[in-house]
């Protein structure tokens, strides 16, 4: 099934882009205070003194929060072909930055944080599996690009970015469950630990089956239909 309603597709694409840009900006604002490397602020206050003093946790935390911002910034433009169809080198550069950052930094550091996650085994398992799926989906997208299997590459990039956006889903779902459904804080936390990325993957699969990858490729390779200017007679 191909996504056929162009106006609806463009509107949803634009809303998606605006939402991710706003979230990336919000994350930047949230990350900046941590760059003073103070152990007792914001999220770090939820960790014990022993955990905050642990060098492995500290390295994993700072690598993860900074590399995740780069992943968001590098990944989003790939879903707006109009920005990159005439900038092939930029497209490849951003793609490589996205892949390398996830495989070498963001996903491995996420595994470190998962080992120290609050909420017991259920939360640790959820975050660990999320990082493993994130790494594998991104690797598969990279492998398919190397084989020049572009549609499958795009499909796996959609899945990879869906997991990338789990941080955004986690916050939105936490707010909705706590304020609208009245769930208890720990119930909310454990639920969104799993729902934030599995729900995103389910939505990504719906989009893939609806032809989103084919649509992105068609837009990326679209030929400019504007008439070329005629030469001025001498």
C-alpha atoms as a PDB file:
ATOM      1  CA  UNK A   1       0.000   0.000   0.000  1.00  0.00           C
ATOM      2  CA  UNK A   2       1.437   3.368  -1.023  1.00  0.00           C
ATOM      3  CA  UNK A   3       0.816   6.580   0.820  1.00  0.00           C
ATOM      4  CA  UNK A   4      -1.170   8.419  -1.838  1.00  0.00           C
ATOM      5  CA  UNK A   5      -2.560  11.554  -0.189  1.00  0.00           C
ATOM      6  CA  UNK A   6       0.175  14.084  -0.915  1.00  0.00           C
ATOM      7  CA  UNK A   7      -1.294  17.018   1.081  1.00  0.00           C
ATOM      8  CA  UNK A   8      -1.825  14.831   4.158  1.00  0.00           C
ATOM      9  CA  UNK A   9       1.638  13.303   3.786  1.00  0.00           C
ATOM     10  CA  UNK A  10       3.273  16.737   3.525  1.00  0.00           C
ATOM     11  CA  UNK A  11       1.337  18.049   6.510  1.00  0.00           C
ATOM     12  CA  UNK A  12       2.259  15.087   8.697  1.00  0.00           C
ATOM     13  CA  UNK A  13       5.865  15.303   7.538  1.00  0.00           C
ATOM     14  CA  UNK A  14       6.021  18.976   8.461  1.00  0.00           C
ATOM     15  CA  UNK A  15       4.384  18.431  11.862  1.00  0.00           C
ATOM     16  CA  UNK A  16       6.838  15.614  12.522  1.00  0.00           C
ATOM     17  CA  UNK A  17       9.771  17.845  11.636  1.00  0.00           C
ATOM     18  CA  UNK A  18       8.582  20.716  13.816  1.00  0.00           C
ATOM     19  CA  UNK A  19       7.997  18.373  16.764  1.00  0.00           C
ATOM     20  CA  UNK A  20      11.486  16.863  16.513  1.00  0.00           C
ATOM     21  CA  UNK A  21      13.134  20.282  16.108  1.00  0.00           C
ATOM     22  CA  UNK A  22      11.335  21.571  19.203  1.00  0.00           C
ATOM     23  CA  UNK A  23      12.263  18.457  21.138  1.00  0.00           C
ATOM     24  CA  UNK A  24      15.912  18.725  20.060  1.00  0.00           C
ATOM     25  CA  UNK A  25      15.961  22.336  21.224  1.00  0.00           C
ATOM     26  CA  UNK A  26      14.389  21.315  24.518  1.00  0.00           C
ATOM     27  CA  UNK A  27      16.987  18.577  24.956  1.00  0.00           C
ATOM     28  CA  UNK A  28      19.788  21.057  24.269  1.00  0.00           C
ATOM     29  CA  UNK A  29      18.460  23.329  27.003  1.00  0.00           C
ATOM     30  CA  UNK A  30      18.265  20.364  29.367  1.00  0.00           C
ATOM     31  CA  UNK A  31      21.776  19.121  28.542  1.00  0.00           C
ATOM     32  CA  UNK A  32      23.619  22.424  28.941  1.00  0.00           C
ATOM     33  CA  UNK A  33      23.485  22.533  32.781  1.00  0.00           C
ATOM     34  CA  UNK A  34      25.106  19.087  32.938  1.00  0.00           C
ATOM     35  CA  UNK A  35      28.167  20.335  31.072  1.00  0.00           C
ATOM     36  CA  UNK A  36      29.358  21.940  34.309  1.00  0.00           C
ATOM     37  CA  UNK A  37      29.902  18.316  35.438  1.00  0.00           C
ATOM     38  CA  UNK A  38      28.206  18.850  38.796  1.00  0.00           C
ATOM     39  CA  UNK A  39      27.095  15.492  40.275  1.00  0.00           C
ATOM     40  CA  UNK A  40      24.024  16.645  42.208  1.00  0.00           C
ATOM     41  CA  UNK A  41      21.706  18.292  39.675  1.00  0.00           C
ATOM     42  CA  UNK A  42      18.449  17.351  37.951  1.00  0.00           C
ATOM     43  CA  UNK A  43      18.387  13.718  36.753  1.00  0.00           C
ATOM     44  CA  UNK A  44      21.568  12.892  38.659  1.00  0.00           C
ATOM     45  CA  UNK A  45      19.787  13.529  41.969  1.00  0.00           C
ATOM     46  CA  UNK A  46      17.804  10.319  41.326  1.00  0.00           C
ATOM     47  CA  UNK A  47      21.015   8.306  41.575  1.00  0.00           C
ATOM     48  CA  UNK A  48      22.809   7.242  44.717  1.00  0.00           C
ATOM     49  CA  UNK A  49      26.081   8.810  45.793  1.00  0.00           C
ATOM     50  CA  UNK A  50      27.861   5.571  44.898  1.00  0.00           C
ATOM     51  CA  UNK A  51      26.440   5.641  41.372  1.00  0.00           C
ATOM     52  CA  UNK A  52      27.288   9.317  40.879  1.00  0.00           C
ATOM     53  CA  UNK A  53      30.828   8.582  42.038  1.00  0.00           C
ATOM     54  CA  UNK A  54      31.174   5.688  39.600  1.00  0.00           C
ATOM     55  CA  UNK A  55      33.458   6.683  36.718  1.00  0.00           C
ATOM     56  CA  UNK A  56      31.837   4.280  34.249  1.00  0.00           C
ATOM     57  CA  UNK A  57      28.377   5.697  34.930  1.00  0.00           C
ATOM     58  CA  UNK A  58      29.620   9.276  34.674  1.00  0.00           C
ATOM     59  CA  UNK A  59      31.358   8.679  31.347  1.00  0.00           C
ATOM     60  CA  UNK A  60      28.331   6.814  29.982  1.00  0.00           C
ATOM     61  CA  UNK A  61      25.979   9.586  31.089  1.00  0.00           C
ATOM     62  CA  UNK A  62      27.898  12.485  29.523  1.00  0.00           C
ATOM     63  CA  UNK A  63      28.646  10.588  26.323  1.00  0.00           C
ATOM     64  CA  UNK A  64      25.008   9.584  25.974  1.00  0.00           C
ATOM     65  CA  UNK A  65      23.404  12.981  26.502  1.00  0.00           C
ATOM     66  CA  UNK A  66      25.783  14.734  24.090  1.00  0.00           C
ATOM     67  CA  UNK A  67      25.892  12.065  21.382  1.00  0.00           C
ATOM     68  CA  UNK A  68      22.092  11.719  21.392  1.00  0.00           C
ATOM     69  CA  UNK A  69      21.766  15.388  20.474  1.00  0.00           C
ATOM     70  CA  UNK A  70      24.063  14.851  17.501  1.00  0.00           C
ATOM     71  CA  UNK A  71      22.047  11.823  16.434  1.00  0.00           C
ATOM     72  CA  UNK A  72      18.808  13.822  16.461  1.00  0.00           C
ATOM     73  CA  UNK A  73      20.352  16.709  14.514  1.00  0.00           C
ATOM     74  CA  UNK A  74      21.978  14.450  11.924  1.00  0.00           C
ATOM     75  CA  UNK A  75      19.018  12.117  11.473  1.00  0.00           C
ATOM     76  CA  UNK A  76      16.112  14.515  11.053  1.00  0.00           C
ATOM     77  CA  UNK A  77      17.181  16.161   7.735  1.00  0.00           C
ATOM     78  CA  UNK A  78      17.318  12.718   6.099  1.00  0.00           C
ATOM     79  CA  UNK A  79      13.533  12.613   6.249  1.00  0.00           C
ATOM     80  CA  UNK A  80      13.185  15.869   4.313  1.00  0.00           C
ATOM     81  CA  UNK A  81      14.559  15.031   0.843  1.00  0.00           C
ATOM     82  CA  UNK A  82      13.885  18.541  -0.443  1.00  0.00           C
ATOM     83  CA  UNK A  83      16.717  19.762   1.796  1.00  0.00           C
ATOM     84  CA  UNK A  84      19.288  17.250   0.587  1.00  0.00           C
ATOM     85  CA  UNK A  85      18.432  16.118  -2.927  1.00  0.00           C
ATOM     86  CA  UNK A  86      20.878  18.640  -4.389  1.00  0.00           C
ATOM     87  CA  UNK A  87      23.380  18.152  -1.563  1.00  0.00           C
ATOM     88  CA  UNK A  88      24.451  14.533  -1.950  1.00  0.00           C
ATOM     89  CA  UNK A  89      27.721  15.044  -0.067  1.00  0.00           C
ATOM     90  CA  UNK A  90      25.830  16.578   2.867  1.00  0.00           C
ATOM     91  CA  UNK A  91      23.335  13.707   2.809  1.00  0.00           C
ATOM     92  CA  UNK A  92      26.157  11.174   3.007  1.00  0.00           C
ATOM     93  CA  UNK A  93      28.026  13.152   5.651  1.00  0.00           C
ATOM     94  CA  UNK A  94      24.996  13.445   7.915  1.00  0.00           C
ATOM     95  CA  UNK A  95      24.190   9.781   7.355  1.00  0.00           C
ATOM     96  CA  UNK A  96      27.692   8.710   8.332  1.00  0.00           C
ATOM     97  CA  UNK A  97      27.626  10.973  11.399  1.00  0.00           C
ATOM     98  CA  UNK A  98      24.277   9.468  12.416  1.00  0.00           C
ATOM     99  CA  UNK A  99      25.430   5.872  11.996  1.00  0.00           C
ATOM    100  CA  UNK A 100      28.857   6.249  13.594  1.00  0.00           C
ATOM    101  CA  UNK A 101      27.492   8.216  16.539  1.00  0.00           C
ATOM    102  CA  UNK A 102      24.880   5.568  17.329  1.00  0.00           C
ATOM    103  CA  UNK A 103      27.119   2.539  16.799  1.00  0.00           C
ATOM    104  CA  UNK A 104      30.190   3.904  18.590  1.00  0.00           C
ATOM    105  CA  UNK A 105      28.769   6.289  21.184  1.00  0.00           C
ATOM    106  CA  UNK A 106      25.036   6.658  21.795  1.00  0.00           C
ATOM    107  CA  UNK A 107      23.950   3.005  21.910  1.00  0.00           C
ATOM    108  CA  UNK A 108      26.991   1.691  23.865  1.00  0.00           C
ATOM    109  CA  UNK A 109      26.710   4.523  26.405  1.00  0.00           C
ATOM    110  CA  UNK A 110      22.990   3.811  26.635  1.00  0.00           C
ATOM    111  CA  UNK A 111      23.824   0.241  27.640  1.00  0.00           C
ATOM    112  CA  UNK A 112      25.952   1.614  30.467  1.00  0.00           C
ATOM    113  CA  UNK A 113      23.084   3.781  31.698  1.00  0.00           C
ATOM    114  CA  UNK A 114      20.686   0.843  31.388  1.00  0.00           C
ATOM    115  CA  UNK A 115      22.789  -1.094  33.882  1.00  0.00           C
ATOM    116  CA  UNK A 116      22.253   1.705  36.413  1.00  0.00           C
ATOM    117  CA  UNK A 117      18.577   2.362  35.609  1.00  0.00           C
ATOM    118  CA  UNK A 118      16.109   2.862  38.445  1.00  0.00           C
ATOM    119  CA  UNK A 119      13.101   0.548  38.540  1.00  0.00           C
ATOM    120  CA  UNK A 120      14.747  -2.813  38.932  1.00  0.00           C
ATOM    121  CA  UNK A 121      15.105  -5.605  36.400  1.00  0.00           C
ATOM    122  CA  UNK A 122      12.092  -4.578  34.289  1.00  0.00           C
ATOM    123  CA  UNK A 123      13.532  -1.126  33.590  1.00  0.00           C
ATOM    124  CA  UNK A 124      17.083  -2.377  33.102  1.00  0.00           C
ATOM    125  CA  UNK A 125      15.876  -5.006  30.620  1.00  0.00           C
ATOM    126  CA  UNK A 126      13.721  -2.495  28.734  1.00  0.00           C
ATOM    127  CA  UNK A 127      16.497   0.054  28.291  1.00  0.00           C
ATOM    128  CA  UNK A 128      19.057  -2.641  27.474  1.00  0.00           C
ATOM    129  CA  UNK A 129      16.904  -4.195  24.766  1.00  0.00           C
ATOM    130  CA  UNK A 130      16.139  -0.737  23.374  1.00  0.00           C
ATOM    131  CA  UNK A 131      19.858  -0.015  22.923  1.00  0.00           C
ATOM    132  CA  UNK A 132      20.485  -3.412  21.334  1.00  0.00           C
ATOM    133  CA  UNK A 133      17.607  -2.946  18.855  1.00  0.00           C
ATOM    134  CA  UNK A 134      18.776   0.622  18.149  1.00  0.00           C
ATOM    135  CA  UNK A 135      22.300  -0.586  17.384  1.00  0.00           C
ATOM    136  CA  UNK A 136      21.138  -3.493  15.201  1.00  0.00           C
ATOM    137  CA  UNK A 137      18.604  -1.437  13.215  1.00  0.00           C
ATOM    138  CA  UNK A 138      21.220   1.239  12.527  1.00  0.00           C
ATOM    139  CA  UNK A 139      23.826  -1.343  11.541  1.00  0.00           C
ATOM    140  CA  UNK A 140      21.347  -2.997   9.183  1.00  0.00           C
ATOM    141  CA  UNK A 141      20.571   0.378   7.572  1.00  0.00           C
ATOM    142  CA  UNK A 142      24.300   1.002   7.101  1.00  0.00           C
ATOM    143  CA  UNK A 143      24.919  -2.496   5.693  1.00  0.00           C
ATOM    144  CA  UNK A 144      22.122  -2.106   3.146  1.00  0.00           C
ATOM    145  CA  UNK A 145      23.449   1.307   2.089  1.00  0.00           C
ATOM    146  CA  UNK A 146      26.848  -0.278   1.442  1.00  0.00           C
ATOM    147  CA  UNK A 147      25.063  -2.782  -0.792  1.00  0.00           C
ATOM    148  CA  UNK A 148      23.201   0.057  -2.535  1.00  0.00           C
ATOM    149  CA  UNK A 149      19.851  -1.483  -1.641  1.00  0.00           C
ATOM    150  CA  UNK A 150      18.304   1.925  -1.152  1.00  0.00           C
ATOM    151  CA  UNK A 151      14.678   1.104  -0.420  1.00  0.00           C
ATOM    152  CA  UNK A 152      15.575  -1.442   2.246  1.00  0.00           C
ATOM    153  CA  UNK A 153      18.170   0.975   3.595  1.00  0.00           C
ATOM    154  CA  UNK A 154      15.511   3.668   3.925  1.00  0.00           C
ATOM    155  CA  UNK A 155      13.112   1.263   5.610  1.00  0.00           C
ATOM    156  CA  UNK A 156      15.705   0.416   8.245  1.00  0.00           C
ATOM    157  CA  UNK A 157      16.595   4.075   8.701  1.00  0.00           C
ATOM    158  CA  UNK A 158      12.938   4.710   9.513  1.00  0.00           C
ATOM    159  CA  UNK A 159      13.083   1.952  12.122  1.00  0.00           C
ATOM    160  CA  UNK A 160      16.374   3.243  13.520  1.00  0.00           C
ATOM    161  CA  UNK A 161      15.112   6.808  13.833  1.00  0.00           C
ATOM    162  CA  UNK A 162      11.942   5.530  15.463  1.00  0.00           C
ATOM    163  CA  UNK A 163      14.098   4.143  18.277  1.00  0.00           C
ATOM    164  CA  UNK A 164      16.114   7.375  18.306  1.00  0.00           C
ATOM    165  CA  UNK A 165      12.871   9.198  19.073  1.00  0.00           C
ATOM    166  CA  UNK A 166      12.104   6.948  22.045  1.00  0.00           C
ATOM    167  CA  UNK A 167      13.408   9.700  24.341  1.00  0.00           C
ATOM    168  CA  UNK A 168      10.743  12.060  22.993  1.00  0.00           C
ATOM    169  CA  UNK A 169       8.015   9.426  23.241  1.00  0.00           C
ATOM    170  CA  UNK A 170       9.060   8.548  26.786  1.00  0.00           C
ATOM    171  CA  UNK A 171       8.493  12.113  27.964  1.00  0.00           C
ATOM    172  CA  UNK A 172       5.200  12.570  26.122  1.00  0.00           C
ATOM    173  CA  UNK A 173       3.846   9.221  27.271  1.00  0.00           C
ATOM    174  CA  UNK A 174       4.987   9.822  30.854  1.00  0.00           C
ATOM    175  CA  UNK A 175       3.151  13.146  30.920  1.00  0.00           C
ATOM    176  CA  UNK A 176       0.009  11.646  29.394  1.00  0.00           C
ATOM    177  CA  UNK A 177      -0.117   8.599  31.658  1.00  0.00           C
ATOM    178  CA  UNK A 178       0.607  10.526  34.853  1.00  0.00           C
ATOM    179  CA  UNK A 179      -1.630  13.552  34.264  1.00  0.00           C
ATOM    180  CA  UNK A 180      -4.440  12.074  32.168  1.00  0.00           C
ATOM    181  CA  UNK A 181      -4.617   8.450  33.294  1.00  0.00           C
ATOM    182  CA  UNK A 182      -3.528   9.035  36.872  1.00  0.00           C
ATOM    183  CA  UNK A 183      -1.003   6.215  36.973  1.00  0.00           C
ATOM    184  CA  UNK A 184       1.486   6.047  39.828  1.00  0.00           C
ATOM    185  CA  UNK A 185       5.027   7.328  39.140  1.00  0.00           C
ATOM    186  CA  UNK A 186       6.714   3.895  39.166  1.00  0.00           C
ATOM    187  CA  UNK A 187       3.939   2.310  37.086  1.00  0.00           C
ATOM    188  CA  UNK A 188       4.319   5.120  34.585  1.00  0.00           C
ATOM    189  CA  UNK A 189       8.093   4.784  34.497  1.00  0.00           C
ATOM    190  CA  UNK A 190       8.152   1.014  33.922  1.00  0.00           C
ATOM    191  CA  UNK A 191       5.437   1.226  31.264  1.00  0.00           C
ATOM    192  CA  UNK A 192       7.082   3.964  29.216  1.00  0.00           C
ATOM    193  CA  UNK A 193      10.460   2.247  29.519  1.00  0.00           C
ATOM    194  CA  UNK A 194       9.037  -0.338  27.127  1.00  0.00           C
ATOM    195  CA  UNK A 195       6.243   1.532  25.356  1.00  0.00           C
ATOM    196  CA  UNK A 196       8.420   4.470  24.259  1.00  0.00           C
ATOM    197  CA  UNK A 197      10.457   2.384  21.815  1.00  0.00           C
ATOM    198  CA  UNK A 198       8.209  -0.578  21.037  1.00  0.00           C
ATOM    199  CA  UNK A 199       5.348   1.786  20.226  1.00  0.00           C
ATOM    200  CA  UNK A 200       7.628   3.827  17.983  1.00  0.00           C
ATOM    201  CA  UNK A 201       8.783   0.681  16.194  1.00  0.00           C
ATOM    202  CA  UNK A 202       5.181  -0.385  15.639  1.00  0.00           C
ATOM    203  CA  UNK A 203       4.369   3.015  14.135  1.00  0.00           C
ATOM    204  CA  UNK A 204       7.510   2.833  12.004  1.00  0.00           C
ATOM    205  CA  UNK A 205       6.450  -0.558  10.668  1.00  0.00           C
ATOM    206  CA  UNK A 206       3.031   0.816   9.762  1.00  0.00           C
ATOM    207  CA  UNK A 207       4.736   3.643   7.841  1.00  0.00           C
ATOM    208  CA  UNK A 208       7.113   1.241   6.095  1.00  0.00           C
ATOM    209  CA  UNK A 209       4.256  -1.009   5.014  1.00  0.00           C
ATOM    210  CA  UNK A 210       2.331   2.077   3.862  1.00  0.00           C
ATOM    211  CA  UNK A 211       5.156   2.959   1.468  1.00  0.00           C
ATOM    212  CA  UNK A 212       6.906   5.747   3.374  1.00  0.00           C
ATOM    213  CA  UNK A 213      10.359   4.545   2.278  1.00  0.00           C
ATOM    214  CA  UNK A 214       9.353   4.520  -1.390  1.00  0.00           C
ATOM    215  CA  UNK A 215       7.878   7.998  -0.997  1.00  0.00           C
ATOM    216  CA  UNK A 216      11.080   9.338   0.581  1.00  0.00           C
ATOM    217  CA  UNK A 217      13.201   7.839  -2.178  1.00  0.00           C
ATOM    218  CA  UNK A 218      10.914   9.209  -4.867  1.00  0.00           C
ATOM    219  CA  UNK A 219      11.141  12.670  -3.332  1.00  0.00           C
ATOM    220  CA  UNK A 220      14.909  12.441  -2.948  1.00  0.00           C
ATOM    221  CA  UNK A 221      15.484  11.524  -6.564  1.00  0.00           C
ATOM    222  CA  UNK A 222      12.753  13.788  -7.930  1.00  0.00           C
ATOM    223  CA  UNK A 223      13.794  15.718 -10.997  1.00  0.00           C
ATOM    224  CA  UNK A 224      13.210  19.438 -10.917  1.00  0.00           C
ATOM    225  CA  UNK A 225      10.141  19.948 -13.104  1.00  0.00           C
ATOM    226  CA  UNK A 226      10.666  23.652 -13.522  1.00  0.00           C
ATOM    227  CA  UNK A 227      11.522  24.533 -17.163  1.00  0.00           C
ATOM    228  CA  UNK A 228      15.156  25.294 -17.729  1.00  0.00           C
ATOM    229  CA  UNK A 229      15.867  28.895 -18.820  1.00  0.00           C
ATOM    230  CA  UNK A 230      16.429  29.349 -22.529  1.00  0.00           C
ATOM    231  CA  UNK A 231      19.683  30.773 -23.806  1.00  0.00           C
ATOM    232  CA  UNK A 232      19.494  34.466 -24.602  1.00  0.00           C
ATOM    233  CA  UNK A 233      20.101  35.064 -28.343  1.00  0.00           C
ATOM    234  CA  UNK A 234      23.263  36.961 -29.179  1.00  0.00           C
END
